[in-house]
PDB file of N, CA and C in Angstrom:
ATOM      1  N   MET A   1     144.285  37.939  20.054  1.00  0.00           N
ATOM      2  CA  MET A   1     143.988  39.617  19.750  1.00  0.00           C
ATOM      3  C   MET A   1     143.353  39.503  18.543  1.00  0.00           C
ATOM      4  N   SER A   2     142.771  38.763  17.941  1.00  0.00           N
ATOM      5  CA  SER A   2     141.665  39.338  16.941  1.00  0.00           C
ATOM      6  C   SER A   2     140.239  39.432  16.838  1.00  0.00           C
ATOM      7  N   GLY A   3     139.846  38.986  18.778  1.00  0.00           N
ATOM      8  CA  GLY A   3     138.452  39.553  19.290  1.00  0.00           C
ATOM      9  C   GLY A   3     138.338  40.608  19.469  1.00  0.00           C
ATOM     10  N   ASP A   4     139.859  41.566  19.863  1.00  0.00           N
ATOM     11  CA  ASP A   4     139.742  42.786  20.132  1.00  0.00           C
ATOM     12  C   ASP A   4     140.534  43.336  18.910  1.00  0.00           C
ATOM     13  N   LEU A   5     140.538  43.065  18.249  1.00  0.00           N
ATOM     14  CA  LEU A   5     141.219  44.222  16.768  1.00  0.00           C
ATOM     15  C   LEU A   5     140.011  45.011  16.158  1.00  0.00           C
ATOM     16  N   GLU A   6     140.537  46.141  16.126  1.00  0.00           N
ATOM     17  CA  GLU A   6     139.668  47.183  16.048  1.00  0.00           C
ATOM     18  C   GLU A   6     140.388  47.631  14.639  1.00  0.00           C
ATOM     19  N   VAL A   7     139.125  48.019  13.403  1.00  0.00           N
ATOM     20  CA  VAL A   7     139.507  48.311  12.059  1.00  0.00           C
ATOM     21  C   VAL A   7     138.737  49.484  12.179  1.00  0.00           C
ATOM     22  N   SER A   8     139.185  50.683  11.843  1.00  0.00           N
ATOM     23  CA  SER A   8     138.397  51.712  12.057  1.00  0.00           C
ATOM     24  C   SER A   8     137.982  52.424  10.626  1.00  0.00           C
ATOM     25  N   ALA A   9     138.439  52.095   9.188  1.00  0.00           N
ATOM     26  CA  ALA A   9     138.337  52.789   8.261  1.00  0.00           C
ATOM     27  C   ALA A   9     138.624  51.655   7.168  1.00  0.00           C
ATOM     28  N   LEU A  10     137.417  51.415   6.183  1.00  0.00           N
ATOM     29  CA  LEU A  10     138.111  50.466   5.255  1.00  0.00           C
ATOM     30  C   LEU A  10     137.623  51.305   4.355  1.00  0.00           C
ATOM     31  N   ALA A  11     138.494  52.310   3.063  1.00  0.00           N
ATOM     32  CA  ALA A  11     138.062  53.082   2.341  1.00  0.00           C
ATOM     33  C   ALA A  11     138.761  52.693   0.955  1.00  0.00           C
ATOM     34  N   ILE A  12     138.252  53.390  -0.134  1.00  0.00           N
ATOM     35  CA  ILE A  12     139.067  52.560  -1.446  1.00  0.00           C
ATOM     36  C   ILE A  12     138.541  54.242  -2.483  1.00  0.00           C
ATOM     37  N   ASN A  13     139.639  54.325  -3.199  1.00  0.00           N
ATOM     38  CA  ASN A  13     139.083  55.360  -4.198  1.00  0.00           C
ATOM     39  C   ASN A  13     138.972  54.687  -5.574  1.00  0.00           C
ATOM     40  N   VAL A  14     138.162  55.062  -6.494  1.00  0.00           N
ATOM     41  CA  VAL A  14     137.702  54.702  -7.915  1.00  0.00           C
ATOM     42  C   VAL A  14     138.066  55.814  -8.870  1.00  0.00           C
ATOM     43  N   THR A  15     138.325  55.873  -9.581  1.00  0.00           N
ATOM     44  CA  THR A  15     138.302  56.169 -10.845  1.00  0.00           C
ATOM     45  C   THR A  15     136.919  55.944 -11.617  1.00  0.00           C
ATOM     46  N   ILE A  16     136.559  57.078 -11.682  1.00  0.00           N
ATOM     47  CA  ILE A  16     134.896  57.062 -12.425  1.00  0.00           C
ATOM     48  C   ILE A  16     135.655  57.264 -14.165  1.00  0.00           C
ATOM     49  N   PRO A  17     134.546  56.081 -14.492  1.00  0.00           N
ATOM     50  CA  PRO A  17     135.324  56.301 -16.057  1.00  0.00           C
ATOM     51  C   PRO A  17     134.650  58.106 -16.779  1.00  0.00           C
ATOM     52  N   GLU A  18     134.834  57.801 -17.814  1.00  0.00           N
ATOM     53  CA  GLU A  18     134.858  59.125 -18.607  1.00  0.00           C
ATOM     54  C   GLU A  18     133.325  59.560 -19.153  1.00  0.00           C
ATOM     55  N   GLU A  19     132.651  58.270 -19.453  1.00  0.00           N
ATOM     56  CA  GLU A  19     131.472  58.765 -20.033  1.00  0.00           C
ATOM     57  C   GLU A  19     130.544  58.783 -19.257  1.00  0.00           C
ATOM     58  N   LEU A  20     131.087  58.300 -17.433  1.00  0.00           N
ATOM     59  CA  LEU A  20     130.106  58.865 -16.142  1.00  0.00           C
ATOM     60  C   LEU A  20     130.685  59.781 -15.547  1.00  0.00           C
ATOM     61  N   ARG A  21     131.342  60.284 -16.319  1.00  0.00           N
ATOM     62  CA  ARG A  21     131.971  61.512 -15.445  1.00  0.00           C
ATOM     63  C   ARG A  21     131.084  62.940 -15.775  1.00  0.00           C
ATOM     64  N   TRP A  22     130.871  63.836 -14.417  1.00  0.00           N
ATOM     65  CA  TRP A  22     129.438  64.986 -14.093  1.00  0.00           C
ATOM     66  C   TRP A  22     130.162  65.971 -13.488  1.00  0.00           C
ATOM     67  N   THR A  23     129.659  67.183 -13.904  1.00  0.00           N
ATOM     68  CA  THR A  23     130.271  68.409 -13.487  1.00  0.00           C
ATOM     69  C   THR A  23     128.889  69.078 -12.549  1.00  0.00           C
ATOM     70  N   ASP A  24     129.727  69.647 -11.363  1.00  0.00           N
ATOM     71  CA  ASP A  24     128.426  70.255 -10.292  1.00  0.00           C
ATOM     72  C   ASP A  24     129.572  71.594  -9.961  1.00  0.00           C
ATOM     73  N   THR A  25     127.921  71.971  -9.324  1.00  0.00           N
ATOM     74  CA  THR A  25     128.750  73.801  -8.898  1.00  0.00           C
ATOM     75  C   THR A  25     128.929  73.752  -7.377  1.00  0.00           C
ATOM     76  N   ARG A  26     129.895  74.290  -6.921  1.00  0.00           N
ATOM     77  CA  ARG A  26     130.456  75.051  -5.460  1.00  0.00           C
ATOM     78  C   ARG A  26     130.476  76.560  -5.618  1.00  0.00           C
ATOM     79  N   ARG A  27     129.425  77.476  -4.306  1.00  0.00           N
ATOM     80  CA  ARG A  27     129.943  78.407  -4.423  1.00  0.00           C
ATOM     81  C   ARG A  27     130.628  78.983  -5.852  1.00  0.00           C
ATOM     82  N   GLY A  28     129.449  79.285  -6.886  1.00  0.00           N
ATOM     83  CA  GLY A  28     129.780  79.611  -8.037  1.00  0.00           C
ATOM     84  C   GLY A  28     130.807  78.895  -8.913  1.00  0.00           C
ATOM     85  N   GLN A  29     131.302  78.436  -8.736  1.00  0.00           N
ATOM     86  CA  GLN A  29     132.325  77.373  -9.078  1.00  0.00           C
ATOM     87  C   GLN A  29     132.160  76.106  -9.866  1.00  0.00           C
ATOM     88  N   GLU A  30     132.370  75.396 -11.035  1.00  0.00           N
ATOM     89  CA  GLU A  30     131.903  74.197 -11.602  1.00  0.00           C
ATOM     90  C   GLU A  30     133.011  73.417 -11.561  1.00  0.00           C
ATOM     91  N   PHE A  31     132.883  71.924 -11.371  1.00  0.00           N
ATOM     92  CA  PHE A  31     133.733  71.013 -10.956  1.00  0.00           C
ATOM     93  C   PHE A  31     133.648  69.987 -11.670  1.00  0.00           C
ATOM     94  N   ARG A  32     134.278  69.317 -12.303  1.00  0.00           N
ATOM     95  CA  ARG A  32     134.444  67.881 -12.863  1.00  0.00           C
ATOM     96  C   ARG A  32     134.709  66.661 -12.276  1.00  0.00           C
ATOM     97  N   LEU A  33     133.724  65.912 -11.547  1.00  0.00           N
ATOM     98  CA  LEU A  33     133.950  65.011 -11.152  1.00  0.00           C
ATOM     99  C   LEU A  33     134.709  63.921 -11.397  1.00  0.00           C
ATOM    100  N   THR A  34     135.824  63.243 -11.130  1.00  0.00           N
ATOM    101  CA  THR A  34     136.442  62.862 -11.560  1.00  0.00           C
ATOM    102  C   THR A  34     136.793  60.998 -10.906  1.00  0.00           C
ATOM    103  N   THR A  35     136.867  60.946  -9.241  1.00  0.00           N
ATOM    104  CA  THR A  35     136.919  60.302  -8.540  1.00  0.00           C
ATOM    105  C   THR A  35     136.148  59.670  -7.567  1.00  0.00           C
ATOM    106  N   LEU A  36     135.397  58.480  -7.228  1.00  0.00           N
ATOM    107  CA  LEU A  36     134.881  58.112  -5.659  1.00  0.00           C
ATOM    108  C   LEU A  36     135.431  57.985  -4.717  1.00  0.00           C
ATOM    109  N   ASN A  37     135.174  58.184  -3.581  1.00  0.00           N
ATOM    110  CA  ASN A  37     135.925  57.451  -2.406  1.00  0.00           C
ATOM    111  C   ASN A  37     134.343  56.377  -1.844  1.00  0.00           C
ATOM    112  N   VAL A  38     135.031  55.815  -1.462  1.00  0.00           N
ATOM    113  CA  VAL A  38     133.617  54.799  -1.963  1.00  0.00           C
ATOM    114  C   VAL A  38     133.833  53.864   0.259  1.00  0.00           C
ATOM    115  N   ARG A  39     133.546  53.994   0.650  1.00  0.00           N
ATOM    116  CA  ARG A  39     133.772  53.753   2.583  1.00  0.00           C
ATOM    117  C   ARG A  39     132.907  52.595   2.986  1.00  0.00           C
ATOM    118  N   LEU A  40     133.257  51.292   4.207  1.00  0.00           N
ATOM    119  CA  LEU A  40     132.885  50.655   4.378  1.00  0.00           C
ATOM    120  C   LEU A  40     132.173  50.894   5.712  1.00  0.00           C
ATOM    121  N   LEU A  41     130.507  51.005   5.740  1.00  0.00           N
ATOM    122  CA  LEU A  41     130.333  51.294   7.236  1.00  0.00           C
ATOM    123  C   LEU A  41     130.308  50.274   8.062  1.00  0.00           C
ATOM    124  N   PRO A  42     130.634  50.444   9.332  1.00  0.00           N
ATOM    125  CA  PRO A  42     130.165  49.682  10.429  1.00  0.00           C
ATOM    126  C   PRO A  42     128.972  48.409   9.856  1.00  0.00           C
ATOM    127  N   ASP A  43     127.994  48.661   9.747  1.00  0.00           N
ATOM    128  CA  ASP A  43     126.757  47.911   9.893  1.00  0.00           C
ATOM    129  C   ASP A  43     126.975  47.144   8.332  1.00  0.00           C
ATOM    130  N   GLY A  44     127.948  47.115   7.321  1.00  0.00           N
ATOM    131  CA  GLY A  44     128.041  46.749   6.228  1.00  0.00           C
ATOM    132  C   GLY A  44     127.540  47.372   4.996  1.00  0.00           C
ATOM    133  N   HIS A  45     126.955  49.051   5.050  1.00  0.00           N
ATOM    134  CA  HIS A  45     126.310  49.578   4.182  1.00  0.00           C
ATOM    135  C   HIS A  45     128.036  50.214   3.840  1.00  0.00           C
ATOM    136  N   LEU A  46     127.709  50.956   2.317  1.00  0.00           N
ATOM    137  CA  LEU A  46     128.409  51.820   1.638  1.00  0.00           C
ATOM    138  C   LEU A  46     127.869  53.263   1.513  1.00  0.00           C
ATOM    139  N   ALA A  47     129.463  53.617   1.725  1.00  0.00           N
ATOM    140  CA  ALA A  47     129.177  55.239   1.744  1.00  0.00           C
ATOM    141  C   ALA A  47     130.123  55.373   0.497  1.00  0.00           C
ATOM    142  N   VAL A  48     129.476  56.754   0.048  1.00  0.00           N
ATOM    143  CA  VAL A  48     130.142  57.393  -0.951  1.00  0.00           C
ATOM    144  C   VAL A  48     129.939  58.364  -1.656  1.00  0.00           C
ATOM    145  N   LYS A  49     131.154  59.379  -2.005  1.00  0.00           N
ATOM    146  CA  LYS A  49     131.457  60.784  -1.961  1.00  0.00           C
ATOM    147  C   LYS A  49     132.441  61.066  -3.368  1.00  0.00           C
ATOM    148  N   ALA A  50     131.709  61.944  -4.339  1.00  0.00           N
ATOM    149  CA  ALA A  50     132.591  62.519  -5.622  1.00  0.00           C
ATOM    150  C   ALA A  50     133.514  63.274  -5.393  1.00  0.00           C
ATOM    151  N   TYR A  51     134.555  63.287  -5.637  1.00  0.00           N
ATOM    152  CA  TYR A  51     135.348  64.027  -6.022  1.00  0.00           C
ATOM    153  C   TYR A  51     135.899  64.795  -6.790  1.00  0.00           C
ATOM    154  N   GLY A  52     136.366  66.325  -7.305  1.00  0.00           N
ATOM    155  CA  GLY A  52     136.707  66.937  -8.677  1.00  0.00           C
ATOM    156  C   GLY A  52     137.366  67.805  -8.556  1.00  0.00           C
ATOM    157  N   ARG A  53     137.983  68.601  -9.516  1.00  0.00           N
ATOM    158  CA  ARG A  53     138.971  69.877  -9.506  1.00  0.00           C
ATOM    159  C   ARG A  53     138.232  70.363 -10.449  1.00  0.00           C
ATOM    160  N   PRO A  54     137.950  72.532 -10.469  1.00  0.00           N
ATOM    161  CA  PRO A  54     137.409  73.257 -10.990  1.00  0.00           C
ATOM    162  C   PRO A  54     137.772  72.740 -12.434  1.00  0.00           C
ATOM    163  N   VAL A  55     136.592  73.078 -13.204  1.00  0.00           N
ATOM    164  CA  VAL A  55     136.903  72.825 -14.879  1.00  0.00           C
ATOM    165  C   VAL A  55     137.555  73.827 -15.314  1.00  0.00           C
ATOM    166  N   ASP A  56     138.051  75.287 -14.999  1.00  0.00           N
ATOM    167  CA  ASP A  56     138.590  76.463 -15.259  1.00  0.00           C
ATOM    168  C   ASP A  56     139.865  75.744 -15.003  1.00  0.00           C
ATOM    169  N   GLY A  57     140.527  75.007 -14.015  1.00  0.00           N
ATOM    170  CA  GLY A  57     141.481  74.766 -13.638  1.00  0.00           C
ATOM    171  C   GLY A  57     142.140  75.407 -12.586  1.00  0.00           C
ATOM    172  N   GLY A  58     143.580  75.775 -12.320  1.00  0.00           N
ATOM    173  CA  GLY A  58     143.985  76.401 -11.229  1.00  0.00           C
ATOM    174  C   GLY A  58     144.177  75.782 -10.114  1.00  0.00           C
ATOM    175  N   ARG A  59     144.634  76.057  -8.547  1.00  0.00           N
ATOM    176  CA  ARG A  59     145.136  75.385  -7.734  1.00  0.00           C
ATOM    177  C   ARG A  59     143.892  75.288  -6.911  1.00  0.00           C
ATOM    178  N   GLY A  60     142.314  75.119  -7.272  1.00  0.00           N
ATOM    179  CA  GLY A  60     141.062  74.988  -6.766  1.00  0.00           C
ATOM    180  C   GLY A  60     141.148  73.892  -5.275  1.00  0.00           C
ATOM    181  N   ALA A  61     140.172  73.722  -5.070  1.00  0.00           N
ATOM    182  CA  ALA A  61     140.312  72.890  -3.686  1.00  0.00           C
ATOM    183  C   ALA A  61     139.917  71.426  -4.122  1.00  0.00           C
ATOM    184  N   TYR A  62     140.260  70.155  -3.989  1.00  0.00           N
ATOM    185  CA  TYR A  62     139.773  68.952  -3.812  1.00  0.00           C
ATOM    186  C   TYR A  62     138.183  68.730  -3.207  1.00  0.00           C
ATOM    187  N   VAL A  63     137.246  69.459  -3.780  1.00  0.00           N
ATOM    188  CA  VAL A  63     135.798  69.376  -3.364  1.00  0.00           C
ATOM    189  C   VAL A  63     135.449  68.068  -3.098  1.00  0.00           C
ATOM    190  N   SER A  64     134.434  67.619  -2.267  1.00  0.00           N
ATOM    191  CA  SER A  64     133.581  66.367  -2.274  1.00  0.00           C
ATOM    192  C   SER A  64     131.769  66.852  -2.689  1.00  0.00           C
ATOM    193  N   PHE A  65     131.246  66.178  -3.362  1.00  0.00           N
ATOM    194  CA  PHE A  65     130.269  66.081  -3.806  1.00  0.00           C
ATOM    195  C   PHE A  65     129.500  64.814  -3.892  1.00  0.00           C
ATOM    196  N   PRO A  66     127.909  64.815  -3.413  1.00  0.00           N
ATOM    197  CA  PRO A  66     127.438  63.611  -3.294  1.00  0.00           C
ATOM    198  C   PRO A  66     126.859  63.219  -4.521  1.00  0.00           C
ATOM    199  N   VAL A  67     126.741  62.103  -4.771  1.00  0.00           N
ATOM    200  CA  VAL A  67     126.410  61.215  -5.847  1.00  0.00           C
ATOM    201  C   VAL A  67     125.635  61.027  -6.001  1.00  0.00           C
ATOM    202  N   PRO A  68     125.126  61.268  -7.677  1.00  0.00           N
ATOM    203  CA  PRO A  68     123.848  61.109  -8.119  1.00  0.00           C
ATOM    204  C   PRO A  68     123.201  59.973  -8.240  1.00  0.00           C
ATOM    205  N   ASP A  69     121.938  59.818  -8.225  1.00  0.00           N
ATOM    206  CA  ASP A  69     121.254  58.307  -8.088  1.00  0.00           C
ATOM    207  C   ASP A  69     121.275  57.816  -9.168  1.00  0.00           C
ATOM    208  N   GLU A  70     121.984  57.148  -9.998  1.00  0.00           N
ATOM    209  CA  GLU A  70     122.489  56.849 -11.419  1.00  0.00           C
ATOM    210  C   GLU A  70     122.439  55.393 -11.162  1.00  0.00           C
ATOM    211  N   PRO A  71     122.133  54.488 -11.812  1.00  0.00           N
ATOM    212  CA  PRO A  71     122.058  52.799 -11.523  1.00  0.00           C
ATOM    213  C   PRO A  71     123.315  52.763 -12.251  1.00  0.00           C
ATOM    214  N   ALA A  72     124.112  53.847 -13.596  1.00  0.00           N
ATOM    215  CA  ALA A  72     125.564  53.034 -13.623  1.00  0.00           C
ATOM    216  C   ALA A  72     126.552  53.637 -12.450  1.00  0.00           C
ATOM    217  N   LEU A  73     126.105  54.711 -11.448  1.00  0.00           N
ATOM    218  CA  LEU A  73     126.939  54.643 -10.951  1.00  0.00           C
ATOM    219  C   LEU A  73     127.107  53.962  -9.588  1.00  0.00           C
ATOM    220  N   ALA A  74     125.740  53.522  -9.440  1.00  0.00           N
ATOM    221  CA  ALA A  74     125.160  52.884  -7.748  1.00  0.00           C
ATOM    222  C   ALA A  74     126.258  51.458  -8.372  1.00  0.00           C
ATOM    223  N   ALA A  75     126.479  50.570 -10.102  1.00  0.00           N
ATOM    224  CA  ALA A  75     126.967  49.470 -10.064  1.00  0.00           C
ATOM    225  C   ALA A  75     128.608  49.530 -10.347  1.00  0.00           C
ATOM    226  N   LEU A  76     128.784  50.433 -11.146  1.00  0.00           N
ATOM    227  CA  LEU A  76     130.508  51.012 -10.795  1.00  0.00           C
ATOM    228  C   LEU A  76     130.713  50.621  -9.332  1.00  0.00           C
ATOM    229  N   VAL A  77     130.148  51.435  -8.354  1.00  0.00           N
ATOM    230  CA  VAL A  77     130.792  51.466  -6.671  1.00  0.00           C
ATOM    231  C   VAL A  77     129.792  49.851  -6.458  1.00  0.00           C
ATOM    232  N   ALA A  78     129.208  49.322  -6.685  1.00  0.00           N
ATOM    233  CA  ALA A  78     129.048  47.708  -6.515  1.00  0.00           C
ATOM    234  C   ALA A  78     130.304  46.690  -6.818  1.00  0.00           C
ATOM    235  N   GLU A  79     130.670  47.320  -7.978  1.00  0.00           N
ATOM    236  CA  GLU A  79     131.789  46.642  -8.324  1.00  0.00           C
ATOM    237  C   GLU A  79     133.452  46.895  -8.091  1.00  0.00           C
ATOM    238  N   ALA A  80     133.379  48.143  -7.232  1.00  0.00           N
ATOM    239  CA  ALA A  80     134.510  48.024  -7.025  1.00  0.00           C
ATOM    240  C   ALA A  80     134.882  47.973  -5.543  1.00  0.00           C
ATOM    241  N   ALA A  81     133.453  47.596  -5.077  1.00  0.00           N
ATOM    242  CA  ALA A  81     133.840  47.011  -3.704  1.00  0.00           C
ATOM    243  C   ALA A  81     134.040  45.737  -4.052  1.00  0.00           C
ATOM    244  N   GLY A  82     133.230  45.382  -4.257  1.00  0.00           N
ATOM    245  CA  GLY A  82     133.637  43.442  -5.217  1.00  0.00           C
ATOM    246  C   GLY A  82     134.828  43.155  -4.879  1.00  0.00           C
ATOM    247  N   LYS A  83     134.940  44.086  -5.984  1.00  0.00           N
ATOM    248  CA  LYS A  83     136.870  44.235  -6.261  1.00  0.00           C
ATOM    249  C   LYS A  83     137.639  44.138  -5.288  1.00  0.00           C
ATOM    250  N   ALA A  84     137.640  45.329  -4.249  1.00  0.00           N
ATOM    251  CA  ALA A  84     138.468  45.786  -3.409  1.00  0.00           C
ATOM    252  C   ALA A  84     138.564  44.583  -1.881  1.00  0.00           C
ATOM    253  N   GLY A  85     137.025  44.428  -2.385  1.00  0.00           N
ATOM    254  CA  GLY A  85     137.265  42.879  -1.461  1.00  0.00           C
ATOM    255  C   GLY A  85     137.673  41.490  -1.556  1.00  0.00           C
ATOM    256  N   ARG A  86     137.738  41.039  -2.835  1.00  0.00           N
ATOM    257  CA  ARG A  86     138.755  40.208  -3.570  1.00  0.00           C
ATOM    258  C   ARG A  86     140.526  40.631  -3.271  1.00  0.00           C
ATOM    259  N   LEU A  87     140.362  41.457  -3.501  1.00  0.00           N
ATOM    260  CA  LEU A  87     141.824  42.394  -3.289  1.00  0.00           C
ATOM    261  C   LEU A  87     142.519  42.104  -1.708  1.00  0.00           C
ATOM    262  N   TRP A  88     141.677  42.697  -1.442  1.00  0.00           N
ATOM    263  CA  TRP A  88     141.876  42.603   0.474  1.00  0.00           C
ATOM    264  C   TRP A  88     142.591  40.658   0.953  1.00  0.00           C
ATOM    265  N   ALA A  89     141.060  40.048   0.401  1.00  0.00           N
ATOM    266  CA  ALA A  89     141.472  38.599   0.755  1.00  0.00           C
ATOM    267  C   ALA A  89     142.594  38.330  -0.285  1.00  0.00           C
ATOM    268  N   ALA A  90     143.149  38.513  -0.740  1.00  0.00           N
ATOM    269  CA  ALA A  90     144.270  37.898  -1.654  1.00  0.00           C
ATOM    270  C   ALA A  90     145.586  38.405  -1.176  1.00  0.00           C
ATOM    271  N   HIS A  91     145.340  39.563   0.299  1.00  0.00           N
ATOM    272  CA  HIS A  91     146.909  40.256  -0.175  1.00  0.00           C
ATOM    273  C   HIS A  91     147.938  38.605   0.427  1.00  0.00           C
ATOM    274  N   ARG A  92     149.251  39.588   0.149  1.00  0.00           N
ATOM    275  CA  ARG A  92     150.104  38.360   0.556  1.00  0.00           C
ATOM    276  C   ARG A  92     151.001  38.824   1.346  1.00  0.00           C
ATOM    277  N   GLY A  93     150.707  39.498   2.257  1.00  0.00           N
ATOM    278  CA  GLY A  93     151.300  40.172   3.405  1.00  0.00           C
ATOM    279  C   GLY A  93     151.798  41.449   3.326  1.00  0.00           C
ATOM    280  N   LEU A  94     152.591  41.499   3.889  1.00  0.00           N
ATOM    281  CA  LEU A  94     153.997  42.855   3.964  1.00  0.00           C
ATOM    282  C   LEU A  94     154.597  42.573   2.859  1.00  0.00           C
ATOM    283  N   ASP A  95     154.979  44.031   2.293  1.00  0.00           N
ATOM    284  CA  ASP A  95     156.184  43.409   1.383  1.00  0.00           C
ATOM    285  C   ASP A  95     157.554  44.544   1.857  1.00  0.00           C
ATOM    286  N   ARG A  96     158.024  43.251   2.034  1.00  0.00           N
ATOM    287  CA  ARG A  96     159.996  43.940   3.061  1.00  0.00           C
ATOM    288  C   ARG A  96     160.919  44.560   2.190  1.00  0.00           C
ATOM    289  N   PRO A  97     161.458  45.407   2.016  1.00  0.00           N
ATOM    290  CA  PRO A  97     162.151  45.289   1.329  1.00  0.00           C
ATOM    291  C   PRO A  97     163.272  44.380   1.637  1.00  0.00           C
ATOM    292  N   ARG A  98     164.210  43.745   0.147  1.00  0.00           N
ATOM    293  CA  ARG A  98     165.072  43.015   0.882  1.00  0.00           C
ATOM    294  C   ARG A  98     166.349  43.697   0.641  1.00  0.00           C
ATOM    295  N   ALA A  99     167.421  42.974   1.844  1.00  0.00           N
ATOM    296  CA  ALA A  99     168.599  44.024   2.411  1.00  0.00           C
ATOM    297  C   ALA A  99     170.094  42.998   1.140  1.00  0.00           C
TER     298      ALA A  99
END
């Protein structure tokens, strides 16, 4: 079976440390970016988007933004991907409720 097994998505969410957070604007509304979504692409490269909420609060949409080309953010993504890989490799199987 493992030869035919297709995994269609590998993604992690990473909280952006406070000192690395930034703001960006979409349609005249300012957003504070607090989370990265990192995806492992089929060719082994990583893709990343930042997500945040409106600075002014309210029920604004959770909107994605490109991640700036900053060494500290690239290091965060690489570290998070490595940690996720180690966690996946060390999984202990399904957590089945005990009767």
